[in-house]
Amino acid sequence: DVLAVTGASVAVQLAGIPFYGPMAAVRVGLVGDDFIINPTYKEI
């Protein structure tokens, strides 16, 4: 899902559509006391 969000931003720019971007999305997980970016399903 977060890959699709970032991919949409790239595609809009490539299409020359007016855009106040770029835009990107990431998922944040918390394992123990540490934040991690784009965790796996198991880590989530």
PDB file of all heavy atoms in Angstrom:
ATOM      1  N   ASP A   1       0.800  -1.227   0.000  1.00  0.00           N
ATOM      2  CA  ASP A   1       0.000   0.000   0.000  1.00  0.00           C
ATOM      3  C   ASP A   1       0.835   1.281   0.000  1.00  0.00           C
ATOM      4  O   ASP A   1       0.577   2.210  -0.773  1.00  0.00           O
ATOM      5  CB  ASP A   1      -1.001   0.001   1.153  1.00  0.00           C
ATOM      6  CG  ASP A   1      -0.380  -0.341   2.500  1.00  0.00           C
ATOM      7  OD1 ASP A   1       0.850  -0.500   2.583  1.00  0.00           O
ATOM      8  OD2 ASP A   1      -1.143  -0.465   3.482  1.00  0.00           O
ATOM      9  N   VAL A   2       1.874   1.359   0.867  1.00  0.00           N
ATOM     10  CA  VAL A   2       2.667   2.596   0.892  1.00  0.00           C
ATOM     11  C   VAL A   2       3.498   2.747  -0.380  1.00  0.00           C
ATOM     12  O   VAL A   2       3.786   3.867  -0.815  1.00  0.00           O
ATOM     13  CB  VAL A   2       3.570   2.666   2.142  1.00  0.00           C
ATOM     14  CG1 VAL A   2       2.733   2.829   3.391  1.00  0.00           C
ATOM     15  CG2 VAL A   2       4.480   1.458   2.257  1.00  0.00           C
ATOM     16  N   LEU A   3       3.871   1.620  -0.990  1.00  0.00           N
ATOM     17  CA  LEU A   3       4.556   1.705  -2.284  1.00  0.00           C
ATOM     18  C   LEU A   3       3.635   2.309  -3.329  1.00  0.00           C
ATOM     19  O   LEU A   3       4.061   3.131  -4.153  1.00  0.00           O
ATOM     20  CB  LEU A   3       5.011   0.313  -2.734  1.00  0.00           C
ATOM     21  CG  LEU A   3       6.077  -0.392  -1.896  1.00  0.00           C
ATOM     22  CD1 LEU A   3       6.347  -1.780  -2.464  1.00  0.00           C
ATOM     23  CD2 LEU A   3       7.364   0.415  -1.864  1.00  0.00           C
ATOM     24  N   ALA A   4       2.359   1.931  -3.302  1.00  0.00           N
ATOM     25  CA  ALA A   4       1.394   2.468  -4.263  1.00  0.00           C
ATOM     26  C   ALA A   4       1.218   3.970  -4.087  1.00  0.00           C
ATOM     27  O   ALA A   4       1.060   4.711  -5.070  1.00  0.00           O
ATOM     28  CB  ALA A   4       0.056   1.753  -4.109  1.00  0.00           C
ATOM     29  N   VAL A   5       1.228   4.447  -2.841  1.00  0.00           N
ATOM     30  CA  VAL A   5       1.070   5.886  -2.586  1.00  0.00           C
ATOM     31  C   VAL A   5       2.239   6.654  -3.190  1.00  0.00           C
ATOM     32  O   VAL A   5       2.055   7.643  -3.918  1.00  0.00           O
ATOM     33  CB  VAL A   5       0.961   6.164  -1.073  1.00  0.00           C
ATOM     34  CG1 VAL A   5       0.888   7.671  -0.823  1.00  0.00           C
ATOM     35  CG2 VAL A   5      -0.265   5.480  -0.484  1.00  0.00           C
ATOM     36  N   THR A   6       3.462   6.219  -2.895  1.00  0.00           N
ATOM     37  CA  THR A   6       4.641   6.899  -3.453  1.00  0.00           C
ATOM     38  C   THR A   6       4.670   6.765  -4.964  1.00  0.00           C
ATOM     39  O   THR A   6       5.015   7.714  -5.686  1.00  0.00           O
ATOM     40  CB  THR A   6       5.919   6.311  -2.829  1.00  0.00           C
ATOM     41  OG1 THR A   6       5.862   6.460  -1.407  1.00  0.00           O
ATOM     42  CG2 THR A   6       7.153   7.019  -3.364  1.00  0.00           C
ATOM     43  N   GLY A   7       4.310   5.589  -5.480  1.00  0.00           N
ATOM     44  CA  GLY A   7       4.268   5.396  -6.930  1.00  0.00           C
ATOM     45  C   GLY A   7       3.295   6.338  -7.604  1.00  0.00           C
ATOM     46  O   GLY A   7       3.537   6.819  -8.723  1.00  0.00           O
ATOM     47  N   ALA A   8       2.169   6.645  -6.957  1.00  0.00           N
ATOM     48  CA  ALA A   8       1.189   7.578  -7.520  1.00  0.00           C
ATOM     49  C   ALA A   8       1.803   8.960  -7.686  1.00  0.00           C
ATOM     50  O   ALA A   8       1.554   9.655  -8.685  1.00  0.00           O
ATOM     51  CB  ALA A   8      -0.050   7.642  -6.635  1.00  0.00           C
ATOM     52  N   SER A   9       2.611   9.379  -6.720  1.00  0.00           N
ATOM     53  CA  SER A   9       3.280  10.681  -6.822  1.00  0.00           C
ATOM     54  C   SER A   9       4.220  10.721  -8.020  1.00  0.00           C
ATOM     55  O   SER A   9       4.236  11.687  -8.794  1.00  0.00           O
ATOM     56  CB  SER A   9       4.066  10.969  -5.533  1.00  0.00           C
ATOM     57  OG  SER A   9       4.864  12.115  -5.663  1.00  0.00           O
ATOM     58  N   VAL A  10       4.986   9.652  -8.204  1.00  0.00           N
ATOM     59  CA  VAL A  10       5.919   9.595  -9.340  1.00  0.00           C
ATOM     60  C   VAL A  10       5.152   9.617 -10.656  1.00  0.00           C
ATOM     61  O   VAL A  10       5.496  10.351 -11.592  1.00  0.00           O
ATOM     62  CB  VAL A  10       6.796   8.326  -9.249  1.00  0.00           C
ATOM     63  CG1 VAL A  10       7.689   8.204 -10.480  1.00  0.00           C
ATOM     64  CG2 VAL A  10       7.646   8.355  -7.977  1.00  0.00           C
ATOM     65  N   ALA A  11       4.080   8.823 -10.743  1.00  0.00           N
ATOM     66  CA  ALA A  11       3.309   8.746 -11.991  1.00  0.00           C
ATOM     67  C   ALA A  11       2.674  10.088 -12.343  1.00  0.00           C
ATOM     68  O   ALA A  11       2.637  10.485 -13.518  1.00  0.00           O
ATOM     69  CB  ALA A  11       2.236   7.661 -11.862  1.00  0.00           C
ATOM     70  N   VAL A  12       2.169  10.802 -11.356  1.00  0.00           N
ATOM     71  CA  VAL A  12       1.548  12.113 -11.610  1.00  0.00           C
ATOM     72  C   VAL A  12       2.570  13.092 -12.174  1.00  0.00           C
ATOM     73  O   VAL A  12       2.285  13.852 -13.115  1.00  0.00           O
ATOM     74  CB  VAL A  12       0.912  12.658 -10.312  1.00  0.00           C
ATOM     75  CG1 VAL A  12       0.573  14.134 -10.446  1.00  0.00           C
ATOM     76  CG2 VAL A  12      -0.351  11.868  -9.966  1.00  0.00           C
ATOM     77  N   GLN A  13       3.761  13.075 -11.623  1.00  0.00           N
ATOM     78  CA  GLN A  13       4.798  13.977 -12.138  1.00  0.00           C
ATOM     79  C   GLN A  13       5.199  13.598 -13.565  1.00  0.00           C
ATOM     80  O   GLN A  13       5.392  14.471 -14.417  1.00  0.00           O
ATOM     81  CB  GLN A  13       6.022  13.941 -11.217  1.00  0.00           C
ATOM     82  CG  GLN A  13       5.752  14.508  -9.832  1.00  0.00           C
ATOM     83  CD  GLN A  13       6.920  14.268  -8.896  1.00  0.00           C
ATOM     84  OE1 GLN A  13       7.891  15.030  -8.897  1.00  0.00           O
ATOM     85  NE2 GLN A  13       6.840  13.208  -8.104  1.00  0.00           N
ATOM     86  N   LEU A  14       5.332  12.305 -13.808  1.00  0.00           N
ATOM     87  CA  LEU A  14       5.686  11.859 -15.154  1.00  0.00           C
ATOM     88  C   LEU A  14       4.608  12.240 -16.168  1.00  0.00           C
ATOM     89  O   LEU A  14       4.909  12.497 -17.341  1.00  0.00           O
ATOM     90  CB  LEU A  14       5.890  10.339 -15.163  1.00  0.00           C
ATOM     91  CG  LEU A  14       7.085   9.798 -14.373  1.00  0.00           C
ATOM     92  CD1 LEU A  14       7.042   8.276 -14.325  1.00  0.00           C
ATOM     93  CD2 LEU A  14       8.405  10.272 -14.985  1.00  0.00           C
ATOM     94  N   ALA A  15       3.353  12.297 -15.720  1.00  0.00           N
ATOM     95  CA  ALA A  15       2.246  12.621 -16.618  1.00  0.00           C
ATOM     96  C   ALA A  15       2.118  14.120 -16.870  1.00  0.00           C
ATOM     97  O   ALA A  15       1.298  14.540 -17.691  1.00  0.00           O
ATOM     98  CB  ALA A  15       0.942  12.080 -16.044  1.00  0.00           C
ATOM     99  N   GLY A  16       2.904  14.925 -16.152  1.00  0.00           N
ATOM    100  CA  GLY A  16       2.812  16.370 -16.338  1.00  0.00           C
ATOM    101  C   GLY A  16       1.537  16.970 -15.778  1.00  0.00           C
ATOM    102  O   GLY A  16       1.095  18.045 -16.205  1.00  0.00           O
ATOM    103  N   ILE A  17       0.938  16.304 -14.802  1.00  0.00           N
ATOM    104  CA  ILE A  17      -0.279  16.809 -14.166  1.00  0.00           C
ATOM    105  C   ILE A  17       0.122  17.856 -13.125  1.00  0.00           C
ATOM    106  O   ILE A  17       1.060  17.630 -12.351  1.00  0.00           O
ATOM    107  CB  ILE A  17      -1.055  15.650 -13.506  1.00  0.00           C
ATOM    108  CG1 ILE A  17      -1.534  14.662 -14.580  1.00  0.00           C
ATOM    109  CG2 ILE A  17      -2.234  16.173 -12.691  1.00  0.00           C
ATOM    110  CD1 ILE A  17      -2.125  13.379 -14.029  1.00  0.00           C
ATOM    111  N   PRO A  18      -0.549  18.998 -13.095  1.00  0.00           N
ATOM    112  CA  PRO A  18      -0.222  20.007 -12.077  1.00  0.00           C
ATOM    113  C   PRO A  18      -0.260  19.399 -10.680  1.00  0.00           C
ATOM    114  O   PRO A  18      -1.201  18.672 -10.333  1.00  0.00           O
ATOM    115  CB  PRO A  18      -1.323  21.055 -12.268  1.00  0.00           C
ATOM    116  CG  PRO A  18      -1.718  20.917 -13.698  1.00  0.00           C
ATOM    117  CD  PRO A  18      -1.599  19.461 -14.020  1.00  0.00           C
ATOM    118  N   PHE A  19       0.765  19.707  -9.890  1.00  0.00           N
ATOM    119  CA  PHE A  19       0.968  18.955  -8.664  1.00  0.00           C
ATOM    120  C   PHE A  19       1.820  19.762  -7.705  1.00  0.00           C
ATOM    121  O   PHE A  19       2.876  20.278  -8.078  1.00  0.00           O
ATOM    122  CB  PHE A  19       1.662  17.633  -9.025  1.00  0.00           C
ATOM    123  CG  PHE A  19       1.730  16.612  -7.924  1.00  0.00           C
ATOM    124  CD1 PHE A  19       0.621  16.291  -7.163  1.00  0.00           C
ATOM    125  CD2 PHE A  19       2.916  15.941  -7.670  1.00  0.00           C
ATOM    126  CE1 PHE A  19       0.685  15.326  -6.179  1.00  0.00           C
ATOM    127  CE2 PHE A  19       3.002  14.972  -6.689  1.00  0.00           C
ATOM    128  CZ  PHE A  19       1.877  14.669  -5.938  1.00  0.00           C
ATOM    129  N   TYR A  20       1.368  19.866  -6.456  1.00  0.00           N
ATOM    130  CA  TYR A  20       2.147  20.563  -5.433  1.00  0.00           C
ATOM    131  C   TYR A  20       3.058  19.578  -4.697  1.00  0.00           C
ATOM    132  O   TYR A  20       3.294  19.740  -3.501  1.00  0.00           O
ATOM    133  CB  TYR A  20       1.218  21.243  -4.429  1.00  0.00           C
ATOM    134  CG  TYR A  20       0.345  22.329  -5.017  1.00  0.00           C
ATOM    135  CD1 TYR A  20      -1.041  22.255  -4.941  1.00  0.00           C
ATOM    136  CD2 TYR A  20       0.900  23.439  -5.649  1.00  0.00           C
ATOM    137  CE1 TYR A  20      -1.849  23.247  -5.469  1.00  0.00           C
ATOM    138  CE2 TYR A  20       0.094  24.439  -6.183  1.00  0.00           C
ATOM    139  CZ  TYR A  20      -1.268  24.337  -6.096  1.00  0.00           C
ATOM    140  OH  TYR A  20      -2.065  25.321  -6.624  1.00  0.00           O
ATOM    141  N   GLY A  21       3.560  18.579  -5.401  1.00  0.00           N
ATOM    142  CA  GLY A  21       4.398  17.544  -4.789  1.00  0.00           C
ATOM    143  C   GLY A  21       5.866  17.859  -4.933  1.00  0.00           C
ATOM    144  O   GLY A  21       6.229  19.023  -5.094  1.00  0.00           O
ATOM    145  N   PRO A  22       6.686  16.814  -4.876  1.00  0.00           N
ATOM    146  CA  PRO A  22       6.370  15.387  -4.744  1.00  0.00           C
ATOM    147  C   PRO A  22       5.761  15.044  -3.375  1.00  0.00           C
ATOM    148  O   PRO A  22       5.817  15.823  -2.437  1.00  0.00           O
ATOM    149  CB  PRO A  22       7.714  14.697  -4.924  1.00  0.00           C
ATOM    150  CG  PRO A  22       8.616  15.712  -5.543  1.00  0.00           C
ATOM    151  CD  PRO A  22       8.131  17.031  -5.059  1.00  0.00           C
ATOM    152  N   MET A  23       5.244  13.847  -3.318  1.00  0.00           N
ATOM    153  CA  MET A  23       4.635  13.311  -2.103  1.00  0.00           C
ATOM    154  C   MET A  23       5.120  11.879  -1.933  1.00  0.00           C
ATOM    155  O   MET A  23       5.420  11.197  -2.916  1.00  0.00           O
ATOM    156  CB  MET A  23       3.114  13.376  -2.228  1.00  0.00           C
ATOM    157  CG  MET A  23       2.327  12.714  -1.125  1.00  0.00           C
ATOM    158  SD  MET A  23       1.968  10.958  -1.466  1.00  0.00           S
ATOM    159  CE  MET A  23       0.880  11.062  -2.884  1.00  0.00           C
ATOM    160  N   ALA A  24       5.238  11.420  -0.703  1.00  0.00           N
ATOM    161  CA  ALA A  24       5.667  10.041  -0.446  1.00  0.00           C
ATOM    162  C   ALA A  24       5.035   9.548   0.841  1.00  0.00           C
ATOM    163  O   ALA A  24       4.618  10.351   1.688  1.00  0.00           O
ATOM    164  CB  ALA A  24       7.188   9.948  -0.356  1.00  0.00           C
ATOM    165  N   ALA A  25       4.976   8.241   0.988  1.00  0.00           N
ATOM    166  CA  ALA A  25       4.405   7.640   2.197  1.00  0.00           C
ATOM    167  C   ALA A  25       5.303   6.520   2.687  1.00  0.00           C
ATOM    168  O   ALA A  25       5.928   5.813   1.887  1.00  0.00           O
ATOM    169  CB  ALA A  25       2.996   7.105   1.932  1.00  0.00           C
ATOM    170  N   VAL A  26       5.369   6.379   3.998  1.00  0.00           N
ATOM    171  CA  VAL A  26       6.085   5.267   4.622  1.00  0.00           C
ATOM    172  C   VAL A  26       5.238   4.719   5.760  1.00  0.00           C
ATOM    173  O   VAL A  26       4.352   5.402   6.281  1.00  0.00           O
ATOM    174  CB  VAL A  26       7.468   5.684   5.180  1.00  0.00           C
ATOM    175  CG1 VAL A  26       8.375   6.177   4.070  1.00  0.00           C
ATOM    176  CG2 VAL A  26       7.322   6.733   6.275  1.00  0.00           C
ATOM    177  N   ARG A  27       5.521   3.489   6.117  1.00  0.00           N
ATOM    178  CA  ARG A  27       4.888   2.890   7.291  1.00  0.00           C
ATOM    179  C   ARG A  27       5.900   2.888   8.425  1.00  0.00           C
ATOM    180  O   ARG A  27       7.096   2.647   8.204  1.00  0.00           O
ATOM    181  CB  ARG A  27       4.427   1.474   6.968  1.00  0.00           C
ATOM    182  CG  ARG A  27       3.846   0.723   8.150  1.00  0.00           C
ATOM    183  CD  ARG A  27       3.255  -0.620   7.768  1.00  0.00           C
ATOM    184  NE  ARG A  27       1.820  -0.498   7.494  1.00  0.00           N
ATOM    185  CZ  ARG A  27       1.292  -0.480   6.295  1.00  0.00           C
ATOM    186  NH1 ARG A  27       2.069  -0.581   5.221  1.00  0.00           N
ATOM    187  NH2 ARG A  27      -0.014  -0.367   6.129  1.00  0.00           N
ATOM    188  N   VAL A  28       5.438   3.154   9.632  1.00  0.00           N
ATOM    189  CA  VAL A  28       6.291   3.156  10.814  1.00  0.00           C
ATOM    190  C   VAL A  28       5.782   2.091  11.773  1.00  0.00           C
ATOM    191  O   VAL A  28       4.579   2.047  12.089  1.00  0.00           O
ATOM    192  CB  VAL A  28       6.301   4.532  11.514  1.00  0.00           C
ATOM    193  CG1 VAL A  28       7.196   4.490  12.754  1.00  0.00           C
ATOM    194  CG2 VAL A  28       6.779   5.617  10.555  1.00  0.00           C
ATOM    195  N   GLY A  29       6.684   1.243  12.229  1.00  0.00           N
ATOM    196  CA  GLY A  29       6.341   0.243  13.232  1.00  0.00           C
ATOM    197  C   GLY A  29       7.118   0.500  14.507  1.00  0.00           C
ATOM    198  O   GLY A  29       8.094   1.260  14.525  1.00  0.00           O
ATOM    199  N   LEU A  30       6.694  -0.124  15.579  1.00  0.00           N
ATOM    200  CA  LEU A  30       7.379  -0.009  16.862  1.00  0.00           C
ATOM    201  C   LEU A  30       7.623  -1.413  17.386  1.00  0.00           C
ATOM    202  O   LEU A  30       6.682  -2.123  17.755  1.00  0.00           O
ATOM    203  CB  LEU A  30       6.536   0.795  17.860  1.00  0.00           C
ATOM    204  CG  LEU A  30       7.112   0.950  19.273  1.00  0.00           C
ATOM    205  CD1 LEU A  30       8.443   1.693  19.236  1.00  0.00           C
ATOM    206  CD2 LEU A  30       6.121   1.678  20.183  1.00  0.00           C
ATOM    207  N   VAL A  31       8.883  -1.810  17.376  1.00  0.00           N
ATOM    208  CA  VAL A  31       9.269  -3.124  17.876  1.00  0.00           C
ATOM    209  C   VAL A  31      10.161  -2.902  19.091  1.00  0.00           C
ATOM    210  O   VAL A  31      11.254  -2.337  18.973  1.00  0.00           O
ATOM    211  CB  VAL A  31      10.001  -3.950  16.803  1.00  0.00           C
ATOM    212  CG1 VAL A  31      10.432  -5.293  17.378  1.00  0.00           C
ATOM    213  CG2 VAL A  31       9.101  -4.158  15.591  1.00  0.00           C
ATOM    214  N   GLY A  32       9.688  -3.301  20.256  1.00  0.00           N
ATOM    215  CA  GLY A  32      10.400  -2.967  21.485  1.00  0.00           C
ATOM    216  C   GLY A  32      10.305  -1.475  21.718  1.00  0.00           C
ATOM    217  O   GLY A  32       9.220  -0.898  21.766  1.00  0.00           O
ATOM    218  N   ASP A  33      11.459  -0.823  21.815  1.00  0.00           N
ATOM    219  CA  ASP A  33      11.498   0.633  21.994  1.00  0.00           C
ATOM    220  C   ASP A  33      11.948   1.351  20.737  1.00  0.00           C
ATOM    221  O   ASP A  33      12.206   2.561  20.770  1.00  0.00           O
ATOM    222  CB  ASP A  33      12.457   0.991  23.148  1.00  0.00           C
ATOM    223  CG  ASP A  33      11.957   0.469  24.489  1.00  0.00           C
ATOM    224  OD1 ASP A  33      10.722   0.422  24.673  1.00  0.00           O
ATOM    225  OD2 ASP A  33      12.788   0.105  25.342  1.00  0.00           O
ATOM    226  N   ASP A  34      12.051   0.632  19.626  1.00  0.00           N
ATOM    227  CA  ASP A  34      12.623   1.209  18.417  1.00  0.00           C
ATOM    228  C   ASP A  34      11.571   1.368  17.319  1.00  0.00           C
ATOM    229  O   ASP A  34      10.812   0.435  17.023  1.00  0.00           O
ATOM    230  CB  ASP A  34      13.772   0.325  17.889  1.00  0.00           C
ATOM    231  CG  ASP A  34      14.914   0.214  18.884  1.00  0.00           C
ATOM    232  OD1 ASP A  34      15.203   1.214  19.558  1.00  0.00           O
ATOM    233  OD2 ASP A  34      15.495  -0.888  18.988  1.00  0.00           O
ATOM    234  N   PHE A  35      11.569   2.549  16.688  1.00  0.00           N
ATOM    235  CA  PHE A  35      10.761   2.766  15.504  1.00  0.00           C
ATOM    236  C   PHE A  35      11.490   2.191  14.293  1.00  0.00           C
ATOM    237  O   PHE A  35      12.717   2.304  14.193  1.00  0.00           O
ATOM    238  CB  PHE A  35      10.518   4.262  15.265  1.00  0.00           C
ATOM    239  CG  PHE A  35       9.683   4.922  16.330  1.00  0.00           C
ATOM    240  CD1 PHE A  35      10.161   6.015  17.036  1.00  0.00           C
ATOM    241  CD2 PHE A  35       8.409   4.451  16.620  1.00  0.00           C
ATOM    242  CE1 PHE A  35       9.398   6.629  18.011  1.00  0.00           C
ATOM    243  CE2 PHE A  35       7.633   5.065  17.598  1.00  0.00           C
ATOM    244  CZ  PHE A  35       8.132   6.153  18.291  1.00  0.00           C
ATOM    245  N   ILE A  36      10.735   1.583  13.392  1.00  0.00           N
ATOM    246  CA  ILE A  36      11.331   1.060  12.168  1.00  0.00           C
ATOM    247  C   ILE A  36      10.483   1.514  10.983  1.00  0.00           C
ATOM    248  O   ILE A  36       9.269   1.667  11.089  1.00  0.00           O
ATOM    249  CB  ILE A  36      11.461  -0.476  12.181  1.00  0.00           C
ATOM    250  CG1 ILE A  36      10.099  -1.141  12.448  1.00  0.00           C
ATOM    251  CG2 ILE A  36      12.488  -0.930  13.205  1.00  0.00           C
ATOM    252  CD1 ILE A  36      10.141  -2.655  12.359  1.00  0.00           C
ATOM    253  N   ILE A  37      11.156   1.739   9.855  1.00  0.00           N
ATOM    254  CA  ILE A  37      10.489   2.187   8.637  1.00  0.00           C
ATOM    255  C   ILE A  37      10.098   0.980   7.784  1.00  0.00           C
ATOM    256  O   ILE A  37      10.885   0.054   7.606  1.00  0.00           O
ATOM    257  CB  ILE A  37      11.397   3.136   7.833  1.00  0.00           C
ATOM    258  CG1 ILE A  37      11.629   4.431   8.613  1.00  0.00           C
ATOM    259  CG2 ILE A  37      10.797   3.440   6.461  1.00  0.00           C
ATOM    260  CD1 ILE A  37      10.378   5.276   8.792  1.00  0.00           C
ATOM    261  N   ASN A  38       8.891   1.027   7.250  1.00  0.00           N
ATOM    262  CA  ASN A  38       8.363  -0.024   6.371  1.00  0.00           C
ATOM    263  C   ASN A  38       8.589  -1.421   6.948  1.00  0.00           C
ATOM    264  O   ASN A  38       9.266  -2.265   6.365  1.00  0.00           O
ATOM    265  CB  ASN A  38       8.967   0.087   4.974  1.00  0.00           C
ATOM    266  CG  ASN A  38       8.441   1.312   4.234  1.00  0.00           C
ATOM    267  OD1 ASN A  38       7.517   1.973   4.682  1.00  0.00           O
ATOM    268  ND2 ASN A  38       9.036   1.611   3.095  1.00  0.00           N
ATOM    269  N   PRO A  39       8.004  -1.688   8.129  1.00  0.00           N
ATOM    270  CA  PRO A  39       8.158  -3.006   8.744  1.00  0.00           C
ATOM    271  C   PRO A  39       7.463  -4.086   7.920  1.00  0.00           C
ATOM    272  O   PRO A  39       6.581  -3.807   7.106  1.00  0.00           O
ATOM    273  CB  PRO A  39       7.467  -2.829  10.106  1.00  0.00           C
ATOM    274  CG  PRO A  39       6.457  -1.750   9.873  1.00  0.00           C
ATOM    275  CD  PRO A  39       7.102  -0.815   8.896  1.00  0.00           C
ATOM    276  N   THR A  40       7.867  -5.324   8.151  1.00  0.00           N
ATOM    277  CA  THR A  40       7.209  -6.458   7.508  1.00  0.00           C
ATOM    278  C   THR A  40       5.877  -6.722   8.203  1.00  0.00           C
ATOM    279  O   THR A  40       5.590  -6.183   9.279  1.00  0.00           O
ATOM    280  CB  THR A  40       8.074  -7.718   7.595  1.00  0.00           C
ATOM    281  OG1 THR A  40       8.221  -8.075   8.986  1.00  0.00           O
ATOM    282  CG2 THR A  40       9.458  -7.469   7.002  1.00  0.00           C
ATOM    283  N   TYR A  41       5.053  -7.575   7.587  1.00  0.00           N
ATOM    284  CA  TYR A  41       3.792  -7.943   8.216  1.00  0.00           C
ATOM    285  C   TYR A  41       4.031  -8.532   9.605  1.00  0.00           C
ATOM    286  O   TYR A  41       3.298  -8.247  10.555  1.00  0.00           O
ATOM    287  CB  TYR A  41       3.046  -8.965   7.350  1.00  0.00           C
ATOM    288  CG  TYR A  41       2.286  -8.379   6.192  1.00  0.00           C
ATOM    289  CD1 TYR A  41       2.653  -8.672   4.881  1.00  0.00           C
ATOM    290  CD2 TYR A  41       1.187  -7.548   6.400  1.00  0.00           C
ATOM    291  CE1 TYR A  41       1.941  -8.147   3.803  1.00  0.00           C
ATOM    292  CE2 TYR A  41       0.481  -7.023   5.333  1.00  0.00           C
ATOM    293  CZ  TYR A  41       0.859  -7.322   4.038  1.00  0.00           C
ATOM    294  OH  TYR A  41       0.154  -6.807   2.982  1.00  0.00           O
ATOM    295  N   LYS A  42       5.062  -9.354   9.723  1.00  0.00           N
ATOM    296  CA  LYS A  42       5.353  -9.987  11.005  1.00  0.00           C
ATOM    297  C   LYS A  42       5.724  -8.945  12.043  1.00  0.00           C
ATOM    298  O   LYS A  42       5.287  -9.017  13.203  1.00  0.00           O
ATOM    299  CB  LYS A  42       6.490 -11.001  10.825  1.00  0.00           C
ATOM    300  CG  LYS A  42       6.822 -11.782  12.096  1.00  0.00           C
ATOM    301  CD  LYS A  42       7.908 -12.813  11.830  1.00  0.00           C
ATOM    302  CE  LYS A  42       8.234 -13.601  13.095  1.00  0.00           C
ATOM    303  NZ  LYS A  42       9.301 -14.613  12.857  1.00  0.00           N
ATOM    304  N   GLU A  43       6.523  -7.956  11.651  1.00  0.00           N
ATOM    305  CA  GLU A  43       6.917  -6.897  12.587  1.00  0.00           C
ATOM    306  C   GLU A  43       5.724  -6.027  12.974  1.00  0.00           C
ATOM    307  O   GLU A  43       5.626  -5.555  14.110  1.00  0.00           O
ATOM    308  CB  GLU A  43       8.020  -6.044  11.971  1.00  0.00           C
ATOM    309  CG  GLU A  43       9.347  -6.773  11.865  1.00  0.00           C
ATOM    310  CD  GLU A  43      10.360  -6.047  10.995  1.00  0.00           C
ATOM    311  OE1 GLU A  43       9.942  -5.300  10.074  1.00  0.00           O
ATOM    312  OE2 GLU A  43      11.576  -6.215  11.222  1.00  0.00           O
ATOM    313  N   ILE A  44       4.797  -5.818  12.035  1.00  0.00           N
ATOM    314  CA  ILE A  44       3.590  -5.052  12.348  1.00  0.00           C
ATOM    315  C   ILE A  44       2.751  -5.794  13.379  1.00  0.00           C
ATOM    316  O   ILE A  44       2.276  -5.222  14.365  1.00  0.00           O
ATOM    317  CB  ILE A  44       2.758  -4.806  11.072  1.00  0.00           C
ATOM    318  CG1 ILE A  44       3.518  -3.898  10.096  1.00  0.00           C
ATOM    319  CG2 ILE A  44       1.411  -4.178  11.420  1.00  0.00           C
ATOM    320  CD1 ILE A  44       2.878  -3.833   8.725  1.00  0.00           C
TER     321      ILE A  44
END
